[in-house]
């Protein structure tokens, strides 16, 4: 075999992707990190002198309260989304019309994100569809305050990111061997017990992916809390935007962005580590079974 044939072409093929990620991901992140360690400019922007004032300002009670609110909202939205996405993914995997159901899940992506948010504003508004329906049915005597509340933020965020949770769960459940559920039922397990002890452990990869695809974008959400939330729905994404546009404090906005990035990166690393450990245990169990 000639020398060119033995040469590994991997680095050559990976070169364009490496340049792409360096130019459009790594470089912007490094710029944000650098800005977080600079001094605030008098009229916005930054001054070329090192300063930790941006990180010191994050120790105040306001930032901590907003961080806790953002974390609470992200956890609630993720849990509700998973509770809806799991049965949806299961039904899709067992259905004979998977192509049609996948199309219905993908259809919302054909519409602009902001258009869908404004559609929910029309549904939840004081003169919107839902209030009009409740008034006609006599359920309420005056319009209920459904919009500009924490409940509206949770509802719209669940709607927005539900497809991102359904798709990985469907892909994971579709590969599952459903004869294992039948075997568990034959051994005396109830349907809920078989689901919890047989199905869920075998689709942990899909569950962890669904959690990441939901929690991370919700943790940094900006448009939904701004448009459908009230004063009690102010989140970290809104705080970053206000520090950039209103307060003109670029280093503090960069510092908050760095904290959010580190938190989400840590979550991704922990999830990937757990998946690797699960894969190692599964491979070891299969090896031990084959050795018998």
Protein backbone atom coordinates (compact mmCIF):
# COMPACT_ATOMS: atom_id res chain seq x y z
CA UNK A 1 0.00 0.00 0.00
CA UNK A 2 1.35 3.43 -0.97
CA UNK A 3 2.09 6.17 1.54
CA UNK A 4 -0.85 8.41 0.52
CA UNK A 5 -3.24 5.49 0.96
CA UNK A 6 -1.96 4.86 4.47
CA UNK A 7 -2.27 8.51 5.46
CA UNK A 8 -5.15 9.28 7.85
CA UNK A 9 -7.54 11.77 6.13
CA UNK A 10 -9.44 12.52 9.38
CA UNK A 11 -7.78 15.87 10.22
CA UNK A 12 -8.27 17.05 6.62
CA UNK A 13 -12.01 16.32 6.71
CA UNK A 14 -12.39 17.83 10.20
CA UNK A 15 -10.58 21.04 9.24
CA UNK A 16 -13.59 23.01 7.90
CA UNK A 17 -15.71 22.08 10.92
CA UNK A 18 -12.88 23.07 13.27
CA UNK A 19 -12.55 26.46 11.56
CA UNK A 20 -16.32 26.96 11.70
CA UNK A 21 -16.55 26.27 15.44
CA UNK A 22 -13.48 28.39 16.15
CA UNK A 23 -14.77 31.39 14.21
CA UNK A 24 -18.42 31.30 15.22
CA UNK A 25 -18.36 29.69 18.67
CA UNK A 26 -15.02 29.74 20.42
CA UNK A 27 -13.99 33.24 19.35
CA UNK A 28 -17.26 34.95 20.48
CA UNK A 29 -17.13 33.11 23.82
CA UNK A 30 -13.55 34.26 24.37
CA UNK A 31 -14.54 37.86 23.56
CA UNK A 32 -17.37 37.70 26.14
CA UNK A 33 -14.98 36.27 28.74
CA UNK A 34 -12.42 39.01 28.01
CA UNK A 35 -15.08 41.75 28.32
CA UNK A 36 -16.15 40.40 31.71
CA UNK A 37 -12.67 41.19 33.10
CA UNK A 38 -12.51 44.75 31.76
CA UNK A 39 -13.68 48.01 33.31
CA UNK A 40 -16.96 49.63 32.40
CA UNK A 41 -16.84 52.46 29.89
CA UNK A 42 -18.25 55.86 30.77
CA UNK A 43 -20.75 55.82 27.90
CA UNK A 44 -21.04 52.10 27.35
CA UNK A 45 -18.53 49.66 26.01
CA UNK A 46 -15.40 48.80 27.98
CA UNK A 47 -12.14 50.38 29.04
CA UNK A 48 -8.86 48.55 28.45
CA UNK A 49 -8.00 47.94 32.07
CA UNK A 50 -8.42 44.77 34.07
CA UNK A 51 -11.20 44.84 36.68
CA UNK A 52 -13.20 42.35 38.73
CA UNK A 53 -16.01 44.83 39.43
CA UNK A 54 -18.39 42.95 37.12
CA UNK A 55 -18.00 39.73 39.12
CA UNK A 56 -18.12 41.55 42.45
CA UNK A 57 -21.47 43.06 41.45
CA UNK A 58 -22.94 39.57 41.05
CA UNK A 59 -22.82 39.07 44.82
CA UNK A 60 -25.81 41.34 45.41
CA UNK A 61 -29.20 39.98 46.46
CA UNK A 62 -30.96 41.05 43.25
CA UNK A 63 -28.79 38.87 41.03
CA UNK A 64 -29.13 35.90 43.37
CA UNK A 65 -32.91 36.29 43.52
CA UNK A 66 -33.18 36.45 39.71
CA UNK A 67 -30.88 33.44 39.38
CA UNK A 68 -33.04 31.40 41.76
CA UNK A 69 -36.20 32.46 39.90
CA UNK A 70 -34.63 31.51 36.57
CA UNK A 71 -33.50 28.15 37.95
CA UNK A 72 -36.94 27.45 39.44
CA UNK A 73 -38.68 28.34 36.18
CA UNK A 74 -36.31 26.18 34.14
CA UNK A 75 -36.81 23.19 36.46
CA UNK A 76 -40.62 23.53 36.45
CA UNK A 77 -40.76 23.88 32.66
CA UNK A 78 -38.41 20.91 32.17
CA UNK A 79 -40.41 18.64 34.49
CA UNK A 80 -43.75 19.54 32.89
CA UNK A 81 -42.29 19.14 29.41
CA UNK A 82 -40.92 15.68 30.24
CA UNK A 83 -44.25 14.57 31.76
CA UNK A 84 -45.97 15.51 28.49
CA UNK A 85 -43.21 14.37 26.13
CA UNK A 86 -42.79 10.85 27.57
CA UNK A 87 -46.31 9.58 26.77
CA UNK A 88 -46.22 11.44 23.44
CA UNK A 89 -42.94 9.78 22.46
CA UNK A 90 -44.23 6.38 23.61
CA UNK A 91 -47.46 6.69 21.61
CA UNK A 92 -45.52 7.80 18.53
CA UNK A 93 -43.15 4.85 18.82
CA UNK A 94 -46.05 2.38 19.05
CA UNK A 95 -48.10 4.06 16.31
CA UNK A 96 -48.32 2.85 12.73
CA UNK A 97 -48.51 6.46 11.51
CA UNK A 98 -45.14 7.68 12.72
CA UNK A 99 -44.50 9.80 9.63
CA UNK A 100 -47.74 11.75 10.12
CA UNK A 101 -47.11 12.26 13.84
CA UNK A 102 -43.53 13.40 13.19
CA UNK A 103 -44.86 15.89 10.65
CA UNK A 104 -47.30 17.27 13.22
CA UNK A 105 -44.45 17.70 15.72
CA UNK A 106 -42.26 19.47 13.15
CA UNK A 107 -44.98 21.80 11.78
CA UNK A 108 -44.53 24.45 14.56
CA UNK A 109 -40.92 24.91 13.39
CA UNK A 110 -42.29 26.24 10.10
CA UNK A 111 -43.59 29.33 11.90
CA UNK A 112 -41.40 32.09 13.28
CA UNK A 113 -40.71 31.94 17.02
CA UNK A 114 -42.07 35.45 17.68
CA UNK A 115 -45.23 34.81 15.67
CA UNK A 116 -46.03 31.85 17.92
CA UNK A 117 -45.43 33.97 21.03
CA UNK A 118 -47.77 36.70 19.75
CA UNK A 119 -50.36 34.02 18.93
CA UNK A 120 -50.28 32.94 22.59
CA UNK A 121 -50.63 36.58 23.62
CA UNK A 122 -53.84 36.76 21.59
CA UNK A 123 -55.08 33.54 23.19
CA UNK A 124 -54.32 34.56 26.78
CA UNK A 125 -55.10 38.28 26.59
CA UNK A 126 -58.01 39.91 28.42
CA UNK A 127 -59.96 40.07 25.16
CA UNK A 128 -58.35 36.92 23.77
CA UNK A 129 -59.86 33.62 22.72
CA UNK A 130 -59.66 31.87 26.09
CA UNK A 131 -61.18 34.72 28.11
CA UNK A 132 -63.92 35.20 25.51
CA UNK A 133 -64.77 31.51 25.65
CA UNK A 134 -64.91 31.44 29.46
CA UNK A 135 -67.11 34.55 29.51
CA UNK A 136 -69.55 33.06 27.01
CA UNK A 137 -69.75 29.83 28.99
CA UNK A 138 -70.42 31.78 32.17
CA UNK A 139 -67.37 30.36 33.97
CA UNK A 140 -66.10 33.84 34.83
CA UNK A 141 -67.85 37.21 35.16
CA UNK A 142 -64.89 39.35 34.09
CA UNK A 143 -61.68 38.67 32.11
CA UNK A 144 -59.08 36.74 34.09
CA UNK A 145 -55.49 37.94 34.20
CA UNK A 146 -53.94 35.06 32.27
CA UNK A 147 -51.31 37.09 30.43
CA UNK A 148 -48.30 38.82 32.03
CA UNK A 149 -47.94 36.21 34.76
CA UNK A 150 -45.54 33.44 35.74
CA UNK A 151 -48.09 30.85 34.66
CA UNK A 152 -48.18 32.32 31.15
CA UNK A 153 -44.37 32.16 30.96
CA UNK A 154 -44.35 28.49 31.98
CA UNK A 155 -47.17 27.61 29.57
CA UNK A 156 -45.57 29.29 26.55
CA UNK A 157 -42.10 27.91 27.33
CA UNK A 158 -43.50 24.38 27.62
CA UNK A 159 -45.22 24.82 24.27
CA UNK A 160 -42.08 26.21 22.64
CA UNK A 161 -39.69 23.48 23.73
CA UNK A 162 -41.99 20.46 23.83
CA UNK A 163 -40.97 19.30 20.31
CA UNK A 164 -37.30 19.39 21.36
CA UNK A 165 -38.11 16.91 24.12
CA UNK A 166 -40.47 14.68 22.12
CA UNK A 167 -38.07 14.01 19.24
CA UNK A 168 -35.14 12.52 21.22
CA UNK A 169 -37.54 10.55 23.42
CA UNK A 170 -39.30 9.16 20.37
CA UNK A 171 -35.97 8.17 18.79
CA UNK A 172 -34.90 6.42 22.00
CA UNK A 173 -38.23 4.63 22.61
CA UNK A 174 -38.48 3.58 18.95
CA UNK A 175 -35.25 1.56 19.38
CA UNK A 176 -36.52 -0.11 22.56
CA UNK A 177 -37.37 -3.83 22.49
CA UNK A 178 -41.02 -3.86 23.60
CA UNK A 179 -40.91 -7.62 24.16
CA UNK A 180 -39.10 -6.78 27.41
CA UNK A 181 -42.28 -5.10 28.66
CA UNK A 182 -44.30 -8.18 27.78
CA UNK A 183 -41.77 -10.37 29.61
CA UNK A 184 -42.03 -8.14 32.68
CA UNK A 185 -45.82 -8.40 32.60
CA UNK A 186 -45.58 -12.20 32.31
CA UNK A 187 -43.37 -12.21 35.42
CA UNK A 188 -46.07 -10.42 37.39
CA UNK A 189 -45.15 -6.76 37.04
CA UNK A 190 -47.98 -4.26 36.60
CA UNK A 191 -48.03 -1.92 33.60
CA UNK A 192 -46.76 1.11 35.57
CA UNK A 193 -44.10 -1.02 37.28
CA UNK A 194 -42.91 -2.45 33.97
CA UNK A 195 -42.70 1.06 32.52
CA UNK A 196 -40.74 2.39 35.49
CA UNK A 197 -38.37 -0.56 35.96
CA UNK A 198 -37.85 -1.70 32.35
CA UNK A 199 -38.65 1.08 29.89
CA UNK A 200 -37.30 4.17 31.66
CA UNK A 201 -33.83 2.72 32.50
CA UNK A 202 -33.39 1.72 28.86
CA UNK A 203 -34.23 5.16 27.47
CA UNK A 204 -32.13 7.21 29.88
CA UNK A 205 -30.11 8.56 26.95
CA UNK A 206 -33.23 10.01 25.36
CA UNK A 207 -34.41 11.41 28.70
CA UNK A 208 -31.10 13.14 29.40
CA UNK A 209 -31.06 14.60 25.88
CA UNK A 210 -34.63 15.87 26.30
CA UNK A 211 -33.67 17.46 29.63
CA UNK A 212 -30.70 19.25 28.06
CA UNK A 213 -32.69 20.42 25.02
CA UNK A 214 -35.31 21.90 27.34
CA UNK A 215 -33.46 23.14 30.42
CA UNK A 216 -30.58 24.95 28.70
CA UNK A 217 -32.63 27.19 26.35
CA UNK A 218 -35.21 27.90 29.07
CA UNK A 219 -32.42 28.89 31.49
CA UNK A 220 -31.35 31.58 29.03
CA UNK A 221 -34.83 32.54 27.79
CA UNK A 222 -35.36 36.20 26.94
CA UNK A 223 -38.27 36.80 24.52
CA UNK A 224 -40.96 34.76 26.29
CA UNK A 225 -40.54 36.33 29.78
CA UNK A 226 -40.33 39.77 28.16
CA UNK A 227 -43.50 39.43 26.08
CA UNK A 228 -45.86 37.29 28.21
CA UNK A 229 -44.39 37.64 31.72
CA UNK A 230 -44.96 40.21 34.42
CA UNK A 231 -42.65 41.80 36.96
CA UNK A 232 -42.30 38.48 38.75
CA UNK A 233 -41.07 36.75 35.58
CA UNK A 234 -37.82 38.69 35.12
CA UNK A 235 -35.07 36.16 34.26
CA UNK A 236 -31.33 36.13 33.59
CA UNK A 237 -31.79 36.59 29.84
CA UNK A 238 -33.74 39.79 30.48
CA UNK A 239 -31.10 40.95 32.95
CA UNK A 240 -28.31 40.48 30.39
CA UNK A 241 -30.26 42.46 27.78
CA UNK A 242 -31.00 45.29 30.22
CA UNK A 243 -27.36 45.52 31.28
CA UNK A 244 -26.35 45.84 27.63
CA UNK A 245 -29.07 48.17 26.34
CA UNK A 246 -30.31 50.14 29.35
CA UNK A 247 -27.53 50.25 31.94
CA UNK A 248 -24.81 50.13 29.24
CA UNK A 249 -22.77 47.96 31.58
CA UNK A 250 -21.11 45.59 29.14
CA UNK A 251 -18.70 43.93 31.59
CA UNK A 252 -21.56 42.99 33.97
CA UNK A 253 -23.61 41.61 31.08
CA UNK A 254 -20.58 39.61 29.97
CA UNK A 255 -20.00 38.33 33.51
CA UNK A 256 -23.60 37.14 33.78
CA UNK A 257 -23.25 35.45 30.39
CA UNK A 258 -20.08 33.70 31.56
CA UNK A 259 -21.84 32.43 34.69
CA UNK A 260 -24.77 31.12 32.62
CA UNK A 261 -22.40 29.48 30.13
CA UNK A 262 -20.40 27.78 32.88
CA UNK A 263 -23.58 26.53 34.58
CA UNK A 264 -24.99 25.04 31.38
CA UNK A 265 -21.61 23.57 30.39
CA UNK A 266 -21.35 21.90 33.79
CA UNK A 267 -24.81 20.43 33.33
CA UNK A 268 -23.91 19.07 29.89
CA UNK A 269 -20.64 17.60 31.22
CA UNK A 270 -22.41 15.89 34.13
CA UNK A 271 -25.06 14.45 31.83
CA UNK A 272 -22.49 13.19 29.33
CA UNK A 273 -20.46 11.65 32.15
CA UNK A 274 -23.52 9.86 33.48
CA UNK A 275 -24.31 8.53 30.00
CA UNK A 276 -20.75 7.24 29.59
CA UNK A 277 -20.95 5.47 32.96
CA UNK A 278 -24.27 3.90 32.00
CA UNK A 279 -22.82 2.76 28.67
CA UNK A 280 -19.80 1.27 30.46
CA UNK A 281 -22.01 -0.61 32.92
CA UNK A 282 -24.18 -1.92 30.09
CA UNK A 283 -21.13 -3.07 28.12
CA UNK A 284 -19.71 -4.77 31.23
CA UNK A 285 -23.02 -6.51 31.91
CA UNK A 286 -23.24 -7.73 28.33
CA UNK A 287 -19.64 -8.95 28.48
CA UNK A 288 -20.32 -10.85 31.69
CA UNK A 289 -23.46 -12.40 30.19
CA UNK A 290 -21.56 -13.43 27.06
CA UNK A 291 -18.81 -14.98 29.20
CA UNK A 292 -21.36 -17.26 30.86
